[in-house]
C-alpha atoms as a PDB file:
ATOM      1  CA  MET A   1      -5.867  32.255  -4.171  1.00  0.00           C
ATOM      2  CA  THR A   2      -3.623  35.141  -3.299  1.00  0.00           C
ATOM      3  CA  SER A   3      -2.213  35.774   0.134  1.00  0.00           C
ATOM      4  CA  GLU A   4      -1.501  39.496  -0.265  1.00  0.00           C
ATOM      5  CA  PRO A   5      -2.330  42.195  -2.802  1.00  0.00           C
ATOM      6  CA  GLY A   6       0.231  42.042  -5.583  1.00  0.00           C
ATOM      7  CA  SER A   7       1.353  38.501  -4.777  1.00  0.00           C
ATOM      8  CA  HIS A   8       0.972  35.767  -7.346  1.00  0.00           C
ATOM      9  CA  PRO A   9      -1.808  33.179  -7.181  1.00  0.00           C
ATOM     10  CA  THR A  10      -0.910  29.718  -5.931  1.00  0.00           C
ATOM     11  CA  ARG A  11       0.587  27.803  -8.863  1.00  0.00           C
ATOM     12  CA  VAL A  12      -0.600  24.184  -8.984  1.00  0.00           C
ATOM     13  CA  LEU A  13       0.710  21.146 -10.838  1.00  0.00           C
ATOM     14  CA  ILE A  14      -2.155  18.687 -11.338  1.00  0.00           C
ATOM     15  CA  CYS A  15      -1.024  15.084 -11.773  1.00  0.00           C
ATOM     16  CA  GLU A  16      -4.133  13.093 -12.718  1.00  0.00           C
ATOM     17  CA  ASP A  17      -4.613  10.538 -15.474  1.00  0.00           C
ATOM     18  CA  ALA A  18      -8.441  10.542 -15.532  1.00  0.00           C
ATOM     19  CA  PRO A  19      -9.405  13.299 -18.026  1.00  0.00           C
ATOM     20  CA  GLY A  20     -12.806  14.093 -16.522  1.00  0.00           C
ATOM     21  CA  TYR A  21     -11.562  14.365 -12.958  1.00  0.00           C
ATOM     22  CA  ARG A  22      -8.504  16.335 -14.111  1.00  0.00           C
ATOM     23  CA  LEU A  23     -10.802  18.870 -15.820  1.00  0.00           C
ATOM     24  CA  LEU A  24     -12.966  19.110 -12.702  1.00  0.00           C
ATOM     25  CA  LEU A  25      -9.845  19.821 -10.628  1.00  0.00           C
ATOM     26  CA  GLU A  26      -8.613  22.438 -13.102  1.00  0.00           C
ATOM     27  CA  VAL A  27     -11.933  24.299 -13.151  1.00  0.00           C
ATOM     28  CA  SER A  28     -12.392  24.107  -9.378  1.00  0.00           C
ATOM     29  CA  LEU A  29      -8.883  25.340  -8.584  1.00  0.00           C
ATOM     30  CA  VAL A  30      -9.086  28.223 -11.070  1.00  0.00           C
ATOM     31  CA  GLU A  31     -12.476  29.220  -9.635  1.00  0.00           C
ATOM     32  CA  ALA A  32     -10.801  29.265  -6.208  1.00  0.00           C
ATOM     33  CA  GLY A  33      -8.227  31.765  -7.504  1.00  0.00           C
ATOM     34  CA  MET A  34      -5.353  29.374  -8.120  1.00  0.00           C
ATOM     35  CA  GLU A  35      -3.340  29.084 -11.333  1.00  0.00           C
ATOM     36  CA  VAL A  36      -2.839  25.718 -13.026  1.00  0.00           C
ATOM     37  CA  ALA A  37       0.862  25.803 -13.882  1.00  0.00           C
ATOM     38  CA  ALA A  38       0.810  22.433 -15.657  1.00  0.00           C
ATOM     39  CA  VAL A  39      -0.956  19.096 -15.865  1.00  0.00           C
ATOM     40  CA  ALA A  40       0.598  15.630 -16.057  1.00  0.00           C
ATOM     41  CA  GLU A  41      -0.845  12.235 -16.899  1.00  0.00           C
ATOM     42  CA  SER A  42       2.086  10.007 -15.848  1.00  0.00           C
ATOM     43  CA  TRP A  43       4.797   9.857 -13.202  1.00  0.00           C
ATOM     44  CA  GLU A  44       7.423  10.853 -15.772  1.00  0.00           C
ATOM     45  CA  GLU A  45       5.422  13.878 -16.944  1.00  0.00           C
ATOM     46  CA  ALA A  46       4.735  14.877 -13.333  1.00  0.00           C
ATOM     47  CA  THR A  47       8.395  14.836 -12.333  1.00  0.00           C
ATOM     48  CA  ALA A  48       9.446  16.766 -15.436  1.00  0.00           C
ATOM     49  CA  ALA A  49       6.675  19.346 -14.950  1.00  0.00           C
ATOM     50  CA  ALA A  50       7.595  19.838 -11.284  1.00  0.00           C
ATOM     51  CA  ARG A  51      11.191  20.592 -12.277  1.00  0.00           C
ATOM     52  CA  GLU A  52      10.206  22.872 -15.151  1.00  0.00           C
ATOM     53  CA  HIS A  53       7.322  24.836 -13.635  1.00  0.00           C
ATOM     54  CA  ARG A  54       8.347  25.008  -9.951  1.00  0.00           C
ATOM     55  CA  PRO A  55       4.744  25.027  -8.631  1.00  0.00           C
ATOM     56  CA  ASP A  56       3.697  26.076  -5.140  1.00  0.00           C
ATOM     57  CA  LEU A  57       1.462  23.023  -4.827  1.00  0.00           C
ATOM     58  CA  VAL A  58       1.566  19.565  -6.411  1.00  0.00           C
ATOM     59  CA  LEU A  59      -1.709  17.660  -6.457  1.00  0.00           C
ATOM     60  CA  VAL A  60      -1.005  14.032  -7.376  1.00  0.00           C
ATOM     61  CA  ASP A  61      -3.198  10.985  -7.879  1.00  0.00           C
ATOM     62  CA  LEU A  62      -1.558   8.096  -6.014  1.00  0.00           C
ATOM     63  CA  TRP A  63      -2.405   5.744  -8.874  1.00  0.00           C
ATOM     64  CA  LEU A  64      -1.025   7.743 -11.805  1.00  0.00           C
ATOM     65  CA  PRO A  65      -2.018   5.389 -13.539  1.00  0.00           C
ATOM     66  CA  TYR A  66      -0.453   2.884 -11.113  1.00  0.00           C
ATOM     67  CA  ARG A  67       0.970   3.255  -7.627  1.00  0.00           C
ATOM     68  CA  ASP A  68       4.733   3.741  -7.605  1.00  0.00           C
ATOM     69  CA  ASP A  69       6.267   4.733  -4.267  1.00  0.00           C
ATOM     70  CA  ALA A  70       9.692   5.412  -5.811  1.00  0.00           C
ATOM     71  CA  ALA A  71       8.115   7.692  -8.440  1.00  0.00           C
ATOM     72  CA  LEU A  72       6.165   9.508  -5.710  1.00  0.00           C
ATOM     73  CA  ALA A  73       9.402  10.085  -3.796  1.00  0.00           C
ATOM     74  CA  ALA A  74      11.110  11.331  -6.987  1.00  0.00           C
ATOM     75  CA  LEU A  75       8.212  13.718  -7.599  1.00  0.00           C
ATOM     76  CA  ARG A  76       8.510  15.006  -4.024  1.00  0.00           C
ATOM     77  CA  GLU A  77      12.208  15.696  -4.593  1.00  0.00           C
ATOM     78  CA  ALA A  78      11.585  17.378  -7.963  1.00  0.00           C
ATOM     79  CA  ALA A  79       8.896  19.565  -6.386  1.00  0.00           C
ATOM     80  CA  GLY A  80      11.424  21.322  -4.170  1.00  0.00           C
ATOM     81  CA  ASN A  81       9.674  23.514  -1.610  1.00  0.00           C
ATOM     82  CA  ALA A  82       6.197  22.920  -3.037  1.00  0.00           C
ATOM     83  CA  ARG A  83       3.530  21.429  -0.826  1.00  0.00           C
ATOM     84  CA  VAL A  84       2.480  17.973  -2.046  1.00  0.00           C
ATOM     85  CA  ALA A  85      -1.065  16.696  -1.663  1.00  0.00           C
ATOM     86  CA  ALA A  86      -1.996  13.150  -2.655  1.00  0.00           C
ATOM     87  CA  LEU A  87      -5.369  12.164  -4.075  1.00  0.00           C
ATOM     88  CA  SER A  88      -6.855   8.698  -4.012  1.00  0.00           C
ATOM     89  CA  GLY A  89     -10.097   6.949  -4.818  1.00  0.00           C
ATOM     90  CA  LEU A  90      -9.706   5.253  -1.441  1.00  0.00           C
ATOM     91  CA  SER A  91     -10.871   6.856   1.784  1.00  0.00           C
ATOM     92  CA  GLN A  92      -8.416   9.155   3.558  1.00  0.00           C
ATOM     93  CA  GLU A  93      -7.886   6.504   6.217  1.00  0.00           C
ATOM     94  CA  GLU A  94      -7.130   3.774   3.654  1.00  0.00           C
ATOM     95  CA  SER A  95      -4.751   6.046   1.747  1.00  0.00           C
ATOM     96  CA  THR A  96      -2.969   7.093   4.921  1.00  0.00           C
ATOM     97  CA  GLN A  97      -2.477   3.435   5.821  1.00  0.00           C
ATOM     98  CA  ALA A  98      -1.127   2.775   2.323  1.00  0.00           C
ATOM     99  CA  ILE A  99       1.417   5.615   2.054  1.00  0.00           C
ATOM    100  CA  GLY A 100       1.492   7.455   5.378  1.00  0.00           C
ATOM    101  CA  GLU A 101       4.769   5.889   6.453  1.00  0.00           C
ATOM    102  CA  LEU A 102       6.536   7.113   3.308  1.00  0.00           C
ATOM    103  CA  GLY A 103       6.598  10.677   4.641  1.00  0.00           C
ATOM    104  CA  VAL A 104       6.644  12.249   1.178  1.00  0.00           C
ATOM    105  CA  VAL A 105       3.288  14.028   1.100  1.00  0.00           C
ATOM    106  CA  ASP A 106       1.983  16.890   3.206  1.00  0.00           C
ATOM    107  CA  LEU A 107      -1.700  16.016   2.886  1.00  0.00           C
ATOM    108  CA  ILE A 108      -3.726  12.987   1.798  1.00  0.00           C
ATOM    109  CA  LEU A 109      -7.178  13.583   0.315  1.00  0.00           C
ATOM    110  CA  SER A 110      -9.882  11.277  -0.971  1.00  0.00           C
ATOM    111  CA  LYS A 111     -11.597  11.758  -4.314  1.00  0.00           C
ATOM    112  CA  ARG A 112     -14.740  10.775  -2.396  1.00  0.00           C
ATOM    113  CA  GLN A 113     -14.730  14.195  -0.686  1.00  0.00           C
ATOM    114  CA  PRO A 114     -16.898  16.958  -2.158  1.00  0.00           C
ATOM    115  CA  MET A 115     -14.830  19.207  -4.432  1.00  0.00           C
ATOM    116  CA  GLY A 116     -15.436  22.256  -2.221  1.00  0.00           C
ATOM    117  CA  THR A 117     -14.028  20.402   0.795  1.00  0.00           C
ATOM    118  CA  LEU A 118     -11.018  19.264  -1.207  1.00  0.00           C
ATOM    119  CA  VAL A 119     -10.264  22.782  -2.487  1.00  0.00           C
ATOM    120  CA  ALA A 120     -10.655  24.260   1.016  1.00  0.00           C
ATOM    121  CA  ALA A 121      -8.176  21.688   2.389  1.00  0.00           C
ATOM    122  CA  LEU A 122      -5.672  22.606  -0.330  1.00  0.00           C
ATOM    123  CA  GLN A 123      -6.064  26.322   0.401  1.00  0.00           C
ATOM    124  CA  THR A 124      -5.413  25.658   4.092  1.00  0.00           C
ATOM    125  CA  LEU A 125      -2.344  23.552   3.244  1.00  0.00           C
ATOM    126  CA  VAL A 126      -0.878  26.371   1.131  1.00  0.00           C
ATOM    127  CA  GLU A 127      -1.660  29.017   3.752  1.00  0.00           C
ATOM    128  CA  GLN A 128       0.141  26.953   6.407  1.00  0.00           C
ATOM    129  CA  GLY A 129       3.044  26.643   3.924  1.00  0.00           C
END
């Protein structure tokens, strides 16, 4: 996704430990015109990749492979000005109840949503940037 001619595509860090779902995200985001800057399978990899690659958007599974609120906050800090969207196998409502009060993510999405809906929500989040 590009906002203006000559501007760079949105650079995304995908933090997902499930290989099949991670691949689906990669393909879907690239098809939407975004660039996958890096992928991470653990909280440690995610934080290091955010510092190294400086993405525009961080897409993180809340259970990477376990829920860790301190690691999520550290990832948010490492991400700098990037937008941070959280993914969960729970419904959006359940995920919001679980982490909404932390205030470290810009958007909470459910893996239960169709991929097209998820990608459209991410595009909107970046555009609102």
